[in-house]
Protein backbone atom coordinates (compact mmCIF):
# COMPACT_ATOMS: atom_id res chain seq x y z
CA MET A 1 7.89 -7.69 -5.82
CA PRO A 2 6.01 -4.69 -4.39
CA VAL A 3 5.53 -4.06 -0.68
CA TYR A 4 2.07 -3.25 0.70
CA HIS A 5 2.19 -0.92 3.72
CA ILE A 6 -1.21 -0.81 5.43
CA VAL A 7 -2.21 1.66 8.15
CA LEU A 8 -5.58 1.88 9.91
CA PHE A 9 -6.88 5.00 11.67
CA LYS A 10 -9.36 5.72 14.43
CA LEU A 11 -10.48 9.29 13.89
CA LYS A 12 -11.09 11.64 16.79
CA GLN A 13 -14.70 12.52 17.40
CA GLY A 14 -15.81 15.62 15.53
CA VAL A 15 -13.53 15.24 12.51
CA LYS A 16 -15.31 16.92 9.61
CA PRO A 17 -15.67 15.50 6.09
CA GLU A 18 -13.61 18.44 4.78
CA GLN A 19 -10.71 17.42 7.02
CA ILE A 20 -10.90 13.83 5.76
CA ALA A 21 -10.93 15.07 2.16
CA GLN A 22 -7.86 17.23 2.85
CA MET A 23 -6.06 14.27 4.44
CA SER A 24 -6.89 12.13 1.41
CA THR A 25 -5.61 14.77 -1.00
CA LEU A 26 -2.35 15.18 0.93
CA ALA A 27 -1.85 11.41 1.20
CA LYS A 28 -2.47 10.75 -2.49
CA GLY A 29 -0.27 13.73 -3.38
CA MET A 30 2.75 11.92 -1.95
CA VAL A 31 2.85 9.67 -5.02
CA GLY A 32 5.47 11.17 -7.32
CA GLN A 33 7.13 13.04 -4.43
CA ILE A 34 8.42 10.09 -2.42
CA PRO A 35 10.89 7.78 -4.17
CA GLY A 36 9.65 4.20 -4.38
CA LEU A 37 6.00 5.05 -3.64
CA ARG A 38 4.05 3.58 -6.57
CA LYS A 39 0.48 4.12 -5.42
CA LEU A 40 -1.51 5.13 -2.36
CA ASP A 41 -5.18 4.44 -1.70
CA PHE A 42 -7.09 6.10 1.14
CA GLY A 43 -10.62 5.49 2.33
CA GLY A 44 -13.10 4.14 4.82
CA PRO A 45 -14.56 0.68 5.25
CA LEU A 46 -17.24 -0.65 2.96
CA PRO A 47 -20.69 -0.45 4.56
CA VAL A 48 -20.99 -4.24 4.34
CA THR A 49 -17.80 -4.70 6.40
CA ALA A 50 -17.97 -1.62 8.68
CA GLY A 51 -19.35 -3.69 11.55
CA ARG A 52 -16.14 -5.73 11.62
CA GLY A 53 -13.92 -2.63 11.58
CA LYS A 54 -13.18 -2.74 15.34
CA GLY A 55 -13.53 1.04 15.53
CA TYR A 56 -11.19 1.88 12.66
CA ASP A 57 -12.61 4.59 10.44
CA MET A 58 -10.05 5.00 7.67
CA GLY A 59 -7.19 3.16 6.09
CA ILE A 60 -4.23 3.70 3.80
CA VAL A 61 -2.66 1.14 1.51
CA ALA A 62 0.69 2.36 0.21
CA ILE A 63 2.35 0.28 -2.50
CA LEU A 64 6.12 0.64 -2.57
CA ASP A 65 8.79 -0.85 -4.84
CA LYS A 66 10.86 -2.66 -2.18
CA PRO A 67 11.14 -3.08 1.60
CA ASP A 68 13.80 -0.35 1.97
CA ASP A 69 11.36 2.16 0.47
CA VAL A 70 9.15 1.90 3.57
CA THR A 71 11.88 3.67 5.57
CA VAL A 72 12.30 6.32 2.86
CA TYR A 73 8.52 6.82 2.86
CA ALA A 74 8.32 7.09 6.67
CA GLN A 75 11.14 9.66 6.89
CA HIS A 76 10.20 11.77 3.87
CA PRO A 77 9.08 15.37 4.64
CA ALA A 78 5.88 14.90 2.60
CA HIS A 79 4.92 11.96 4.83
CA GLN A 80 5.90 13.80 8.01
CA GLU A 81 3.52 16.63 7.06
């Protein structure tokens, strides 16, 4: 059964769209580099739900093969970057 690792972000004021795009590219690029990482989605809230976001601007949903892969993911150099 896969593991869903979810992380929410509050971006600093002044972050540019280009920086968000670069972060998305780097995050999605970890798939295939990190053992056990099946898929990674990155994005902001839907406009219809943004008001309930409690200040969070972005989120990541990483799908991993098993619980032990979360530690591998967290310690991997690609994730540390």
